[in-house]
N, C-alpha and C. Protein backbone atom coordinates (compact mmCIF):
# COMPACT_ATOMS: atom_id res chain seq x y z
N UNK A 1 0.89 -1.32 0.33
CA UNK A 1 -0.02 -0.08 0.00
C UNK A 1 0.91 1.29 0.12
N UNK A 2 1.86 1.21 0.79
CA UNK A 2 2.81 2.29 0.68
C UNK A 2 3.37 2.62 -0.45
N UNK A 3 3.98 1.52 -1.17
CA UNK A 3 4.61 1.78 -2.48
C UNK A 3 3.68 2.06 -3.35
N UNK A 4 2.42 1.38 -3.58
CA UNK A 4 1.56 1.53 -4.81
C UNK A 4 0.83 2.95 -4.63
N UNK A 5 0.25 3.25 -3.57
CA UNK A 5 -0.44 4.46 -3.31
C UNK A 5 0.26 5.60 -2.41
N UNK A 6 1.38 5.39 -2.10
CA UNK A 6 2.20 6.36 -1.34
C UNK A 6 1.67 6.80 -0.08
N UNK A 7 1.19 5.58 0.48
CA UNK A 7 0.22 5.86 1.77
C UNK A 7 1.38 5.86 2.83
N UNK A 8 1.03 6.54 4.08
CA UNK A 8 1.94 6.53 5.20
C UNK A 8 1.41 5.29 5.91
N UNK A 9 2.43 4.85 6.81
CA UNK A 9 2.33 3.53 7.48
C UNK A 9 1.07 3.38 8.29
N UNK A 10 0.59 4.20 8.93
CA UNK A 10 -0.91 4.16 9.63
C UNK A 10 -1.90 3.93 8.46
N UNK A 11 -2.00 4.71 7.44
CA UNK A 11 -3.02 4.39 6.46
C UNK A 11 -2.81 3.03 5.83
N UNK A 12 -1.55 2.53 5.42
CA UNK A 12 -1.62 1.28 5.01
C UNK A 12 -2.06 0.31 6.01
N UNK A 13 -1.68 0.66 7.04
CA UNK A 13 -1.90 -0.50 8.20
C UNK A 13 -3.41 -0.65 8.29
N UNK A 14 -4.10 0.56 8.14
CA UNK A 14 -5.53 0.39 8.13
C UNK A 14 -6.15 -0.17 6.78
N UNK A 15 -5.68 0.02 5.85
CA UNK A 15 -6.09 -0.72 4.44
C UNK A 15 -5.79 -2.22 4.71
N UNK A 16 -4.73 -2.52 5.35
CA UNK A 16 -4.52 -4.04 5.37
C UNK A 16 -5.54 -4.67 6.50
N UNK A 17 -5.92 -4.01 7.55
CA UNK A 17 -6.83 -4.23 8.51
C UNK A 17 -8.33 -4.57 7.84
N UNK A 18 -8.51 -3.67 6.68
CA UNK A 18 -9.74 -3.72 6.26
C UNK A 18 -9.80 -4.77 5.28
N UNK A 19 -8.87 -5.24 4.77
CA UNK A 19 -8.76 -6.46 3.79
C UNK A 19 -8.55 -7.75 4.89
N UNK A 20 -8.28 -7.87 6.01
CA UNK A 20 -8.29 -8.77 6.70
C UNK A 20 -9.85 -9.06 7.26
N UNK A 21 -10.32 -7.89 7.61
CA UNK A 21 -11.87 -7.93 7.96
C UNK A 21 -12.69 -8.24 6.99
N UNK A 22 -12.52 -7.88 5.72
CA UNK A 22 -13.25 -8.23 4.63
C UNK A 22 -13.13 -9.72 4.29
N UNK A 23 -12.13 -10.23 4.40
CA UNK A 23 -12.01 -11.80 4.29
C UNK A 23 -13.18 -12.56 5.33
N UNK A 24 -13.54 -12.02 6.32
CA UNK A 24 -14.45 -12.56 7.04
C UNK A 24 -15.87 -12.58 6.60
N UNK A 25 -15.99 -11.59 5.81
CA UNK A 25 -17.27 -11.34 5.32
C UNK A 25 -17.41 -12.19 3.60
N UNK A 26 -16.53 -11.94 3.01
CA UNK A 26 -16.28 -12.37 1.67
C UNK A 26 -16.41 -13.92 1.52
N UNK A 27 -15.39 -14.58 2.30
CA UNK A 27 -15.46 -16.16 2.27
C UNK A 27 -16.61 -16.72 2.71
N UNK A 28 -17.25 -16.57 3.41
CA UNK A 28 -18.51 -17.21 3.90
C UNK A 28 -19.61 -17.26 2.83
N UNK A 29 -19.49 -16.03 2.12
CA UNK A 29 -20.61 -15.56 0.94
C UNK A 29 -20.36 -16.44 -0.17
N UNK A 30 -19.12 -16.57 -0.55
CA UNK A 30 -18.78 -17.40 -1.58
C UNK A 30 -18.35 -19.00 -1.46
N UNK A 31 -18.32 -19.26 -0.21
CA UNK A 31 -18.12 -20.75 0.10
C UNK A 31 -19.15 -21.68 -0.54
N UNK A 32 -20.53 -21.29 -0.53
CA UNK A 32 -21.50 -22.14 -1.10
C UNK A 32 -21.34 -22.44 -2.74
N UNK A 33 -20.58 -21.52 -3.34
CA UNK A 33 -20.37 -21.64 -4.83
C UNK A 33 -19.22 -22.25 -4.98
N UNK A 34 -18.24 -21.92 -4.35
CA UNK A 34 -16.88 -22.37 -4.94
C UNK A 34 -15.91 -22.99 -3.65
N UNK A 35 -16.84 -23.43 -2.85
CA UNK A 35 -16.15 -24.45 -1.83
C UNK A 35 -15.00 -23.91 -0.91
N UNK A 36 -13.77 -24.74 -0.88
CA UNK A 36 -12.57 -24.04 -0.39
C UNK A 36 -11.95 -23.07 -0.93
N UNK A 37 -12.35 -22.85 -2.07
CA UNK A 37 -11.53 -21.89 -2.69
C UNK A 37 -11.76 -20.42 -2.41
N UNK A 38 -12.94 -20.54 -1.72
CA UNK A 38 -13.56 -19.15 -1.23
C UNK A 38 -12.58 -18.44 -0.14
N UNK A 39 -11.65 -19.16 0.28
CA UNK A 39 -10.67 -18.74 1.23
C UNK A 39 -9.76 -17.76 0.47
N UNK A 40 -9.69 -17.98 -0.62
CA UNK A 40 -8.56 -17.18 -1.60
C UNK A 40 -9.09 -16.15 -2.35
N UNK A 41 -10.61 -16.13 -2.68
CA UNK A 41 -11.23 -15.10 -3.23
C UNK A 41 -11.10 -13.75 -2.70
N UNK A 42 -10.85 -13.32 -1.51
CA UNK A 42 -10.73 -12.10 -1.02
C UNK A 42 -9.23 -11.60 -1.61
N UNK A 43 -8.30 -12.54 -1.60
CA UNK A 43 -7.13 -12.15 -2.26
C UNK A 43 -7.16 -11.76 -3.55
N UNK A 44 -7.81 -12.37 -4.48
CA UNK A 44 -7.99 -12.21 -5.97
C UNK A 44 -8.99 -10.69 -5.96
N UNK A 45 -9.81 -10.52 -5.22
CA UNK A 45 -10.51 -9.24 -5.18
C UNK A 45 -9.43 -8.31 -4.87
N UNK A 46 -8.66 -8.35 -3.84
CA UNK A 46 -7.75 -7.17 -3.22
C UNK A 46 -6.57 -6.97 -4.38
N UNK A 47 -6.08 -8.10 -5.06
CA UNK A 47 -5.02 -7.91 -6.18
C UNK A 47 -5.78 -6.97 -7.28
N UNK A 48 -6.89 -7.50 -7.80
CA UNK A 48 -7.56 -6.69 -8.63
C UNK A 48 -7.76 -5.20 -8.33
N UNK A 49 -8.44 -5.10 -7.15
CA UNK A 49 -8.81 -3.49 -6.65
C UNK A 49 -7.59 -2.75 -6.80
N UNK A 50 -6.43 -3.40 -6.04
CA UNK A 50 -5.31 -2.59 -6.07
C UNK A 50 -4.69 -2.14 -7.45
N UNK A 51 -4.89 -3.11 -8.39
CA UNK A 51 -4.67 -2.59 -9.72
C UNK A 51 -5.46 -1.89 -10.40
N UNK A 52 -6.69 -2.01 -10.39
CA UNK A 52 -7.46 -0.85 -10.79
C UNK A 52 -7.29 0.61 -10.23
N UNK A 53 -7.29 0.59 -8.70
CA UNK A 53 -7.20 1.73 -8.01
C UNK A 53 -5.73 2.66 -8.27
N UNK A 54 -4.78 1.44 -8.54
CA UNK A 54 -3.39 1.87 -8.88
C UNK A 54 -3.18 2.69 -10.08
N UNK A 55 -3.93 2.50 -10.93
CA UNK A 55 -3.98 3.11 -12.15
C UNK A 55 -3.99 4.76 -12.19
N UNK A 56 -4.26 5.15 -11.07
CA UNK A 56 -4.35 6.61 -10.79
C UNK A 56 -3.02 6.94 -10.16
N UNK A 57 -2.00 5.95 -9.98
CA UNK A 57 -0.93 6.31 -9.22
C UNK A 57 0.56 5.90 -9.69
N UNK A 58 0.44 4.79 -10.36
CA UNK A 58 1.41 4.09 -10.95
C UNK A 58 1.21 3.14 -12.00
N UNK A 59 0.94 3.50 -13.38
CA UNK A 59 0.14 2.73 -14.27
C UNK A 59 1.17 1.31 -14.63
N UNK A 60 2.25 1.42 -14.51
CA UNK A 60 3.11 0.49 -14.92
C UNK A 60 3.04 -0.85 -13.55
N UNK A 61 3.09 -0.40 -12.46
CA UNK A 61 2.82 -1.30 -11.36
C UNK A 61 1.32 -1.87 -11.38
N UNK A 62 0.45 -1.04 -11.77
CA UNK A 62 -1.06 -1.10 -11.87
C UNK A 62 -1.36 -2.25 -12.86
N UNK A 63 -0.79 -2.02 -13.97
CA UNK A 63 -0.90 -2.99 -14.95
C UNK A 63 -0.28 -4.48 -14.84
N UNK A 64 0.77 -4.40 -14.05
CA UNK A 64 1.32 -5.67 -13.64
C UNK A 64 0.59 -6.33 -12.65
N UNK A 65 -0.10 -5.48 -11.61
CA UNK A 65 -1.07 -6.01 -10.84
C UNK A 65 -2.09 -6.68 -11.29
N UNK A 66 -2.58 -6.06 -12.50
CA UNK A 66 -4.01 -6.58 -12.98
C UNK A 66 -3.56 -7.93 -13.79
N UNK A 67 -2.44 -7.92 -14.36
CA UNK A 67 -1.93 -9.34 -14.99
C UNK A 67 -1.91 -10.21 -14.01
N UNK A 68 -1.39 -9.87 -12.53
CA UNK A 68 -1.61 -10.91 -11.50
C UNK A 68 -2.81 -11.31 -11.14
N UNK A 69 -3.79 -10.46 -11.22
CA UNK A 69 -5.11 -10.89 -10.92
C UNK A 69 -5.49 -11.81 -12.08
N UNK A 70 -5.12 -11.45 -13.10
CA UNK A 70 -5.74 -12.73 -14.14
C UNK A 70 -5.24 -13.88 -14.18
N UNK A 71 -3.65 -13.79 -13.82
CA UNK A 71 -3.08 -15.19 -13.69
C UNK A 71 -3.84 -15.93 -12.22
N UNK A 72 -3.95 -15.15 -11.26
CA UNK A 72 -4.52 -15.77 -10.13
C UNK A 72 -6.17 -16.18 -10.29
N UNK A 73 -6.70 -15.47 -11.11
CA UNK A 73 -8.02 -15.88 -11.05
C UNK A 73 -8.25 -17.28 -12.22
N UNK A 74 -7.11 -17.36 -12.88
CA UNK A 74 -7.04 -18.75 -13.73
C UNK A 74 -6.63 -20.00 -12.77
N UNK A 75 -5.55 -19.32 -11.89
CA UNK A 75 -5.12 -20.48 -10.85
C UNK A 75 -6.49 -20.86 -9.90
N UNK A 76 -7.14 -19.77 -9.38
CA UNK A 76 -8.30 -20.10 -8.28
C UNK A 76 -9.14 -20.95 -9.19
N UNK A 77 -9.55 -20.76 -10.48
CA UNK A 77 -10.42 -21.37 -11.23
C UNK A 77 -10.07 -22.93 -11.24
N UNK A 78 -8.93 -23.18 -11.71
CA UNK A 78 -8.59 -24.61 -11.94
C UNK A 78 -8.49 -25.29 -10.42
N UNK A 79 -8.26 -24.62 -9.36
CA UNK A 79 -8.43 -25.13 -8.12
C UNK A 79 -9.84 -25.48 -7.94
N UNK A 80 -10.78 -24.62 -8.03
CA UNK A 80 -12.01 -24.89 -7.98
C UNK A 80 -12.63 -26.14 -8.64
N UNK A 81 -12.14 -26.22 -9.83
CA UNK A 81 -12.51 -27.23 -10.66
C UNK A 81 -11.73 -28.55 -10.58
N UNK A 82 -10.62 -28.47 -9.72
CA UNK A 82 -9.97 -29.77 -9.64
C UNK A 82 -10.74 -31.03 -9.02
N UNK A 83 -11.18 -30.89 -8.01
CA UNK A 83 -12.37 -32.08 -7.63
C UNK A 83 -13.48 -32.28 -8.57
N UNK A 84 -14.16 -31.37 -8.90
CA UNK A 84 -15.25 -31.89 -9.76
C UNK A 84 -14.94 -32.69 -11.15
N UNK A 85 -13.73 -32.46 -11.55
CA UNK A 85 -13.09 -32.77 -12.95
C UNK A 85 -12.09 -34.07 -12.64
N UNK A 86 -12.01 -34.42 -11.28
CA UNK A 86 -10.95 -35.40 -10.88
C UNK A 86 -11.11 -36.80 -11.89
N UNK A 87 -12.49 -37.15 -12.07
CA UNK A 87 -12.58 -38.35 -12.88
C UNK A 87 -12.40 -38.19 -14.21
N UNK A 88 -12.57 -37.04 -14.89
CA UNK A 88 -12.32 -36.74 -16.09
C UNK A 88 -10.81 -36.54 -16.48
N UNK A 89 -10.18 -36.01 -15.48
CA UNK A 89 -8.69 -35.69 -15.44
C UNK A 89 -7.92 -36.26 -14.76
N UNK A 90 -7.40 -37.45 -14.82
CA UNK A 90 -6.79 -38.46 -13.81
C UNK A 90 -5.56 -37.58 -13.29
N UNK A 91 -4.63 -36.73 -14.09
CA UNK A 91 -3.65 -35.99 -13.47
C UNK A 91 -4.06 -35.10 -12.62
N UNK A 92 -5.29 -34.39 -12.86
CA UNK A 92 -5.78 -33.66 -11.79
C UNK A 92 -5.44 -32.08 -12.26
N UNK A 93 -5.97 -30.93 -11.61
CA UNK A 93 -5.66 -29.40 -11.84
C UNK A 93 -4.89 -28.99 -10.69
N UNK A 94 -4.71 -29.79 -9.59
CA UNK A 94 -3.98 -29.02 -8.67
C UNK A 94 -2.68 -28.70 -8.78
N UNK A 95 -1.89 -29.46 -9.62
CA UNK A 95 -0.55 -28.82 -10.02
C UNK A 95 -0.41 -27.56 -10.54
N UNK A 96 -1.59 -27.51 -11.50
CA UNK A 96 -1.54 -26.12 -11.94
C UNK A 96 -1.88 -24.89 -11.02
N UNK A 97 -2.56 -25.32 -9.99
CA UNK A 97 -2.82 -24.22 -9.10
C UNK A 97 -1.56 -23.87 -8.50
N UNK A 98 -0.70 -24.94 -7.93
CA UNK A 98 0.58 -24.59 -7.44
C UNK A 98 1.31 -23.76 -8.41
N UNK A 99 1.45 -24.05 -9.58
CA UNK A 99 2.53 -23.47 -10.51
C UNK A 99 2.07 -22.18 -10.76
N UNK A 100 0.65 -21.95 -11.16
CA UNK A 100 0.33 -20.57 -11.21
C UNK A 100 0.43 -19.67 -10.10
N UNK A 101 0.34 -20.27 -8.86
CA UNK A 101 0.35 -19.58 -7.78
C UNK A 101 2.10 -19.10 -7.57
N UNK A 102 2.88 -19.94 -7.93
CA UNK A 102 4.30 -19.52 -8.14
C UNK A 102 4.38 -18.20 -8.97
N UNK A 103 3.64 -18.27 -9.96
CA UNK A 103 3.81 -17.19 -11.14
C UNK A 103 3.10 -16.00 -10.36
N UNK A 104 2.03 -16.23 -9.86
CA UNK A 104 1.34 -14.90 -9.12
C UNK A 104 2.24 -14.33 -8.13
N UNK A 105 3.08 -15.12 -7.44
CA UNK A 105 4.05 -14.44 -6.62
C UNK A 105 5.14 -13.76 -7.11
N UNK A 106 5.61 -14.41 -8.32
CA UNK A 106 6.80 -13.65 -9.08
C UNK A 106 6.07 -12.34 -9.50
N UNK A 107 4.98 -12.11 -10.08
CA UNK A 107 4.34 -11.28 -10.60
C UNK A 107 4.21 -10.16 -9.54
N UNK A 108 3.78 -10.63 -8.35
CA UNK A 108 3.55 -9.52 -7.16
C UNK A 108 4.87 -9.01 -6.87
N UNK A 109 5.92 -9.87 -6.77
CA UNK A 109 7.33 -9.28 -6.58
C UNK A 109 7.87 -8.09 -7.75
N UNK A 110 7.27 -8.57 -8.90
CA UNK A 110 7.73 -7.71 -10.07
C UNK A 110 7.01 -6.29 -9.87
N UNK A 111 5.63 -6.48 -9.37
CA UNK A 111 4.97 -5.27 -9.13
C UNK A 111 5.54 -4.41 -8.07
N UNK A 112 6.12 -4.93 -6.99
CA UNK A 112 6.65 -4.30 -5.79
C UNK A 112 7.85 -3.58 -6.46
N UNK A 113 8.58 -4.23 -7.45
CA UNK A 113 9.87 -3.72 -7.87
C UNK A 113 9.26 -2.29 -8.67
N UNK A 114 8.30 -2.50 -9.55
CA UNK A 114 7.97 -1.38 -10.39
C UNK A 114 7.20 -0.11 -9.65
N UNK A 115 6.90 -0.48 -8.39
CA UNK A 115 6.22 0.54 -7.56
C UNK A 115 7.14 1.17 -6.81
N UNK A 116 8.36 0.79 -6.71
CA UNK A 116 9.36 1.33 -5.89
C UNK A 116 9.58 2.83 -6.02
N UNK A 117 9.70 3.69 -5.05
CA UNK A 117 10.09 4.86 -5.03
C UNK A 117 11.34 5.23 -5.68
N UNK A 118 11.46 6.22 -6.63
CA UNK A 118 12.73 6.49 -7.29
C UNK A 118 13.64 7.15 -6.13
């Protein structure tokens, strides 16, 4: 928050607390639809939100964050479909969930690099 939006530490901590509080609301609402993947939905919403709002502050970092949201959305979709498609896809989709999560983390690190103060 401090890098992307040039927030002071207190405001960044408040934004983080808001995210944590929001997870307790969003997860139970989505659980009936996407099961255990609902635990990760708040992170996807936060990543996309930071990307959208960040366009007003740092377009390069914001675009990278939006790319990150897209990769994580595919990752989360594959995780959600893993169990229902288990019989049709013997290798499963869970491996792709982990692989795309690794890419997601790499993209977040690149976003932090791009959002670095000059």
